[in-house]
Amino acid sequence: MLILVPILILVAIIVAIDQLYFNDPTAKNMSSPSEKHQKANDTNATQKYLDRYIKK
């Protein structure tokens, strides 16, 4: 029974490291609607710039 204690501690440390350093990447992609709208506006502005000055 005493052997299980270090094993459980080791498992707890591994899980803690996994949670700290390897977070779910989809959680970072959640942004507010205003941020998505701003990004869309930036993309449109870039495309308009390319169409006007580069593609002539």
PDB file of N, CA and C in Angstrom:
ATOM      1  N   MET A   1       0.829  -1.198   0.000  1.00  0.00           N
ATOM      2  CA  MET A   1       0.000   0.000   0.000  1.00  0.00           C
ATOM      3  C   MET A   1       0.870   1.256   0.000  1.00  0.00           C
ATOM      4  N   LEU A   2       2.000   1.177   0.685  1.00  0.00           N
ATOM      5  CA  LEU A   2       2.895   2.322   0.761  1.00  0.00           C
ATOM      6  C   LEU A   2       3.555   2.620  -0.586  1.00  0.00           C
ATOM      7  N   ILE A   3       3.637   1.622  -1.436  1.00  0.00           N
ATOM      8  CA  ILE A   3       4.232   1.803  -2.756  1.00  0.00           C
ATOM      9  C   ILE A   3       3.308   2.625  -3.653  1.00  0.00           C
ATOM     10  N   LEU A   4       2.015   2.584  -3.440  1.00  0.00           N
ATOM     11  CA  LEU A   4       1.062   3.303  -4.273  1.00  0.00           C
ATOM     12  C   LEU A   4       1.130   4.818  -4.090  1.00  0.00           C
ATOM     13  N   VAL A   5       1.572   5.276  -2.922  1.00  0.00           N
ATOM     14  CA  VAL A   5       1.619   6.712  -2.645  1.00  0.00           C
ATOM     15  C   VAL A   5       2.570   7.435  -3.607  1.00  0.00           C
ATOM     16  N   PRO A   6       3.807   7.007  -3.799  1.00  0.00           N
ATOM     17  CA  PRO A   6       4.676   7.694  -4.762  1.00  0.00           C
ATOM     18  C   PRO A   6       4.147   7.622  -6.194  1.00  0.00           C
ATOM     19  N   ILE A   7       3.511   6.516  -6.531  1.00  0.00           N
ATOM     20  CA  ILE A   7       2.950   6.379  -7.871  1.00  0.00           C
ATOM     21  C   ILE A   7       1.823   7.386  -8.073  1.00  0.00           C
ATOM     22  N   LEU A   8       0.966   7.545  -7.088  1.00  0.00           N
ATOM     23  CA  LEU A   8      -0.128   8.507  -7.180  1.00  0.00           C
ATOM     24  C   LEU A   8       0.395   9.945  -7.236  1.00  0.00           C
ATOM     25  N   ILE A   9       1.430  10.224  -6.484  1.00  0.00           N
ATOM     26  CA  ILE A   9       2.040  11.560  -6.521  1.00  0.00           C
ATOM     27  C   ILE A   9       2.646  11.818  -7.894  1.00  0.00           C
ATOM     28  N   LEU A  10       3.317  10.841  -8.453  1.00  0.00           N
ATOM     29  CA  LEU A  10       3.907  10.980  -9.776  1.00  0.00           C
ATOM     30  C   LEU A  10       2.833  11.221 -10.835  1.00  0.00           C
ATOM     31  N   VAL A  11       1.738  10.498 -10.757  1.00  0.00           N
ATOM     32  CA  VAL A  11       0.632  10.693 -11.701  1.00  0.00           C
ATOM     33  C   VAL A  11       0.044  12.094 -11.543  1.00  0.00           C
ATOM     34  N   ALA A  12      -0.106  12.573 -10.311  1.00  0.00           N
ATOM     35  CA  ALA A  12      -0.638  13.917 -10.077  1.00  0.00           C
ATOM     36  C   ALA A  12       0.285  14.983 -10.650  1.00  0.00           C
ATOM     37  N   ILE A  13       1.590  14.802 -10.530  1.00  0.00           N
ATOM     38  CA  ILE A  13       2.553  15.759 -11.085  1.00  0.00           C
ATOM     39  C   ILE A  13       2.487  15.764 -12.603  1.00  0.00           C
ATOM     40  N   ILE A  14       2.383  14.592 -13.213  1.00  0.00           N
ATOM     41  CA  ILE A  14       2.301  14.508 -14.670  1.00  0.00           C
ATOM     42  C   ILE A  14       1.034  15.181 -15.177  1.00  0.00           C
ATOM     43  N   VAL A  15      -0.078  14.967 -14.506  1.00  0.00           N
ATOM     44  CA  VAL A  15      -1.330  15.600 -14.913  1.00  0.00           C
ATOM     45  C   VAL A  15      -1.248  17.114 -14.749  1.00  0.00           C
ATOM     46  N   ALA A  16      -0.621  17.583 -13.670  1.00  0.00           N
ATOM     47  CA  ALA A  16      -0.488  19.024 -13.451  1.00  0.00           C
ATOM     48  C   ALA A  16       0.381  19.661 -14.539  1.00  0.00           C
ATOM     49  N   ILE A  17       1.476  19.023 -14.897  1.00  0.00           N
ATOM     50  CA  ILE A  17       2.347  19.543 -15.958  1.00  0.00           C
ATOM     51  C   ILE A  17       1.602  19.555 -17.285  1.00  0.00           C
ATOM     52  N   ASP A  18       0.844  18.514 -17.537  1.00  0.00           N
ATOM     53  CA  ASP A  18       0.073  18.454 -18.774  1.00  0.00           C
ATOM     54  C   ASP A  18      -0.940  19.593 -18.843  1.00  0.00           C
ATOM     55  N   GLN A  19      -1.591  19.896 -17.759  1.00  0.00           N
ATOM     56  CA  GLN A  19      -2.573  20.973 -17.744  1.00  0.00           C
ATOM     57  C   GLN A  19      -1.929  22.348 -17.876  1.00  0.00           C
ATOM     58  N   LEU A  20      -0.758  22.526 -17.314  1.00  0.00           N
ATOM     59  CA  LEU A  20      -0.096  23.827 -17.360  1.00  0.00           C
ATOM     60  C   LEU A  20       0.527  24.136 -18.714  1.00  0.00           C
ATOM     61  N   TYR A  21       1.196  23.162 -19.304  1.00  0.00           N
ATOM     62  CA  TYR A  21       1.988  23.429 -20.489  1.00  0.00           C
ATOM     63  C   TYR A  21       1.337  23.007 -21.794  1.00  0.00           C
ATOM     64  N   PHE A  22       0.355  22.151 -21.731  1.00  0.00           N
ATOM     65  CA  PHE A  22      -0.278  21.652 -22.949  1.00  0.00           C
ATOM     66  C   PHE A  22      -1.776  21.879 -22.876  1.00  0.00           C
ATOM     67  N   ASN A  23      -2.185  23.147 -22.828  1.00  0.00           N
ATOM     68  CA  ASN A  23      -3.596  23.486 -22.761  1.00  0.00           C
ATOM     69  C   ASN A  23      -4.284  23.176 -24.079  1.00  0.00           C
ATOM     70  N   ASP A  24      -5.595  23.142 -24.027  1.00  0.00           N
ATOM     71  CA  ASP A  24      -6.410  22.883 -25.203  1.00  0.00           C
ATOM     72  C   ASP A  24      -6.268  24.041 -26.183  1.00  0.00           C
ATOM     73  N   PRO A  25      -5.806  23.796 -27.401  1.00  0.00           N
ATOM     74  CA  PRO A  25      -5.607  24.902 -28.343  1.00  0.00           C
ATOM     75  C   PRO A  25      -6.906  25.548 -28.806  1.00  0.00           C
ATOM     76  N   THR A  26      -8.010  24.839 -28.713  1.00  0.00           N
ATOM     77  CA  THR A  26      -9.267  25.428 -29.165  1.00  0.00           C
ATOM     78  C   THR A  26      -9.748  26.497 -28.207  1.00  0.00           C
ATOM     79  N   ALA A  27      -9.333  26.468 -26.968  1.00  0.00           N
ATOM     80  CA  ALA A  27      -9.761  27.478 -26.012  1.00  0.00           C
ATOM     81  C   ALA A  27      -9.167  28.844 -26.355  1.00  0.00           C
ATOM     82  N   LYS A  28      -8.002  28.878 -26.958  1.00  0.00           N
ATOM     83  CA  LYS A  28      -7.367  30.137 -27.325  1.00  0.00           C
ATOM     84  C   LYS A  28      -8.040  30.782 -28.524  1.00  0.00           C
ATOM     85  N   ASN A  29      -8.693  29.966 -29.354  1.00  0.00           N
ATOM     86  CA  ASN A  29      -9.312  30.485 -30.564  1.00  0.00           C
ATOM     87  C   ASN A  29     -10.662  31.132 -30.305  1.00  0.00           C
ATOM     88  N   MET A  30     -11.158  31.077 -29.101  1.00  0.00           N
ATOM     89  CA  MET A  30     -12.445  31.669 -28.790  1.00  0.00           C
ATOM     90  C   MET A  30     -12.255  33.170 -28.580  1.00  0.00           C
ATOM     91  N   SER A  31     -12.799  33.971 -29.477  1.00  0.00           N
ATOM     92  CA  SER A  31     -12.667  35.407 -29.374  1.00  0.00           C
ATOM     93  C   SER A  31     -14.054  36.033 -29.445  1.00  0.00           C
ATOM     94  N   SER A  32     -14.124  37.272 -29.046  1.00  0.00           N
ATOM     95  CA  SER A  32     -15.398  37.970 -29.036  1.00  0.00           C
ATOM     96  C   SER A  32     -15.820  38.314 -30.461  1.00  0.00           C
ATOM     97  N   PRO A  33     -17.093  38.558 -30.675  1.00  0.00           N
ATOM     98  CA  PRO A  33     -17.551  38.917 -32.025  1.00  0.00           C
ATOM     99  C   PRO A  33     -16.905  40.195 -32.554  1.00  0.00           C
ATOM    100  N   SER A  34     -16.617  41.149 -31.658  1.00  0.00           N
ATOM    101  CA  SER A  34     -15.982  42.382 -32.129  1.00  0.00           C
ATOM    102  C   SER A  34     -14.558  42.121 -32.630  1.00  0.00           C
ATOM    103  N   GLU A  35     -13.842  41.193 -32.003  1.00  0.00           N
ATOM    104  CA  GLU A  35     -12.501  40.845 -32.472  1.00  0.00           C
ATOM    105  C   GLU A  35     -12.571  40.160 -33.836  1.00  0.00           C
ATOM    106  N   LYS A  36     -13.565  39.305 -34.026  1.00  0.00           N
ATOM    107  CA  LYS A  36     -13.723  38.640 -35.315  1.00  0.00           C
ATOM    108  C   LYS A  36     -14.073  39.662 -36.394  1.00  0.00           C
ATOM    109  N   HIS A  37     -14.924  40.621 -36.051  1.00  0.00           N
ATOM    110  CA  HIS A  37     -15.308  41.658 -37.003  1.00  0.00           C
ATOM    111  C   HIS A  37     -14.097  42.517 -37.388  1.00  0.00           C
ATOM    112  N   GLN A  38     -13.262  42.860 -36.404  1.00  0.00           N
ATOM    113  CA  GLN A  38     -12.069  43.659 -36.670  1.00  0.00           C
ATOM    114  C   GLN A  38     -11.099  42.895 -37.563  1.00  0.00           C
ATOM    115  N   LYS A  39     -10.951  41.609 -37.316  1.00  0.00           N
ATOM    116  CA  LYS A  39     -10.055  40.808 -38.142  1.00  0.00           C
ATOM    117  C   LYS A  39     -10.576  40.730 -39.573  1.00  0.00           C
ATOM    118  N   ALA A  40     -11.885  40.616 -39.733  1.00  0.00           N
ATOM    119  CA  ALA A  40     -12.475  40.581 -41.072  1.00  0.00           C
ATOM    120  C   ALA A  40     -12.253  41.916 -41.781  1.00  0.00           C
ATOM    121  N   ASN A  41     -12.390  43.014 -41.052  1.00  0.00           N
ATOM    122  CA  ASN A  41     -12.147  44.334 -41.642  1.00  0.00           C
ATOM    123  C   ASN A  41     -10.690  44.481 -42.065  1.00  0.00           C
ATOM    124  N   ASP A  42      -9.772  43.996 -41.240  1.00  0.00           N
ATOM    125  CA  ASP A  42      -8.350  44.064 -41.591  1.00  0.00           C
ATOM    126  C   ASP A  42      -8.055  43.242 -42.846  1.00  0.00           C
ATOM    127  N   THR A  43      -8.671  42.087 -42.939  1.00  0.00           N
ATOM    128  CA  THR A  43      -8.465  41.231 -44.105  1.00  0.00           C
ATOM    129  C   THR A  43      -9.011  41.907 -45.358  1.00  0.00           C
ATOM    130  N   ASN A  44     -10.191  42.514 -45.233  1.00  0.00           N
ATOM    131  CA  ASN A  44     -10.780  43.213 -46.376  1.00  0.00           C
ATOM    132  C   ASN A  44      -9.918  44.391 -46.795  1.00  0.00           C
ATOM    133  N   ALA A  45      -9.381  45.132 -45.843  1.00  0.00           N
ATOM    134  CA  ALA A  45      -8.531  46.279 -46.156  1.00  0.00           C
ATOM    135  C   ALA A  45      -7.263  45.822 -46.865  1.00  0.00           C
ATOM    136  N   THR A  46      -6.706  44.732 -46.412  1.00  0.00           N
ATOM    137  CA  THR A  46      -5.501  44.203 -47.062  1.00  0.00           C
ATOM    138  C   THR A  46      -5.810  43.788 -48.492  1.00  0.00           C
ATOM    139  N   GLN A  47      -6.940  43.122 -48.672  1.00  0.00           N
ATOM    140  CA  GLN A  47      -7.303  42.680 -50.013  1.00  0.00           C
ATOM    141  C   GLN A  47      -7.555  43.866 -50.932  1.00  0.00           C
ATOM    142  N   LYS A  48      -8.197  44.905 -50.421  1.00  0.00           N
ATOM    143  CA  LYS A  48      -8.440  46.106 -51.223  1.00  0.00           C
ATOM    144  C   LYS A  48      -7.118  46.778 -51.602  1.00  0.00           C
ATOM    145  N   TYR A  49      -6.175  46.834 -50.670  1.00  0.00           N
ATOM    146  CA  TYR A  49      -4.853  47.412 -50.950  1.00  0.00           C
ATOM    147  C   TYR A  49      -4.161  46.629 -52.058  1.00  0.00           C
ATOM    148  N   LEU A  50      -4.201  45.306 -51.942  1.00  0.00           N
ATOM    149  CA  LEU A  50      -3.559  44.475 -52.971  1.00  0.00           C
ATOM    150  C   LEU A  50      -4.220  44.685 -54.321  1.00  0.00           C
ATOM    151  N   ASP A  51      -5.534  44.740 -54.324  1.00  0.00           N
ATOM    152  CA  ASP A  51      -6.246  44.919 -55.590  1.00  0.00           C
ATOM    153  C   ASP A  51      -5.911  46.273 -56.212  1.00  0.00           C
ATOM    154  N   ARG A  52      -5.776  47.294 -55.403  1.00  0.00           N
ATOM    155  CA  ARG A  52      -5.604  48.647 -55.928  1.00  0.00           C
ATOM    156  C   ARG A  52      -4.172  48.925 -56.378  1.00  0.00           C
ATOM    157  N   TYR A  53      -3.176  48.527 -55.588  1.00  0.00           N
ATOM    158  CA  TYR A  53      -1.802  48.933 -55.859  1.00  0.00           C
ATOM    159  C   TYR A  53      -0.924  47.840 -56.452  1.00  0.00           C
ATOM    160  N   ILE A  54      -1.185  46.621 -56.106  1.00  0.00           N
ATOM    161  CA  ILE A  54      -0.273  45.556 -56.531  1.00  0.00           C
ATOM    162  C   ILE A  54      -0.733  44.921 -57.844  1.00  0.00           C
ATOM    163  N   LYS A  55      -2.029  44.711 -57.995  1.00  0.00           N
ATOM    164  CA  LYS A  55      -2.530  43.949 -59.144  1.00  0.00           C
ATOM    165  C   LYS A  55      -2.755  44.798 -60.383  1.00  0.00           C
ATOM    166  N   LYS A  56      -2.323  46.047 -60.404  1.00  0.00           N
ATOM    167  CA  LYS A  56      -2.505  46.898 -61.580  1.00  0.00           C
ATOM    168  C   LYS A  56      -1.674  46.442 -62.736  1.00  0.00           C
TER     169      LYS A  56
END
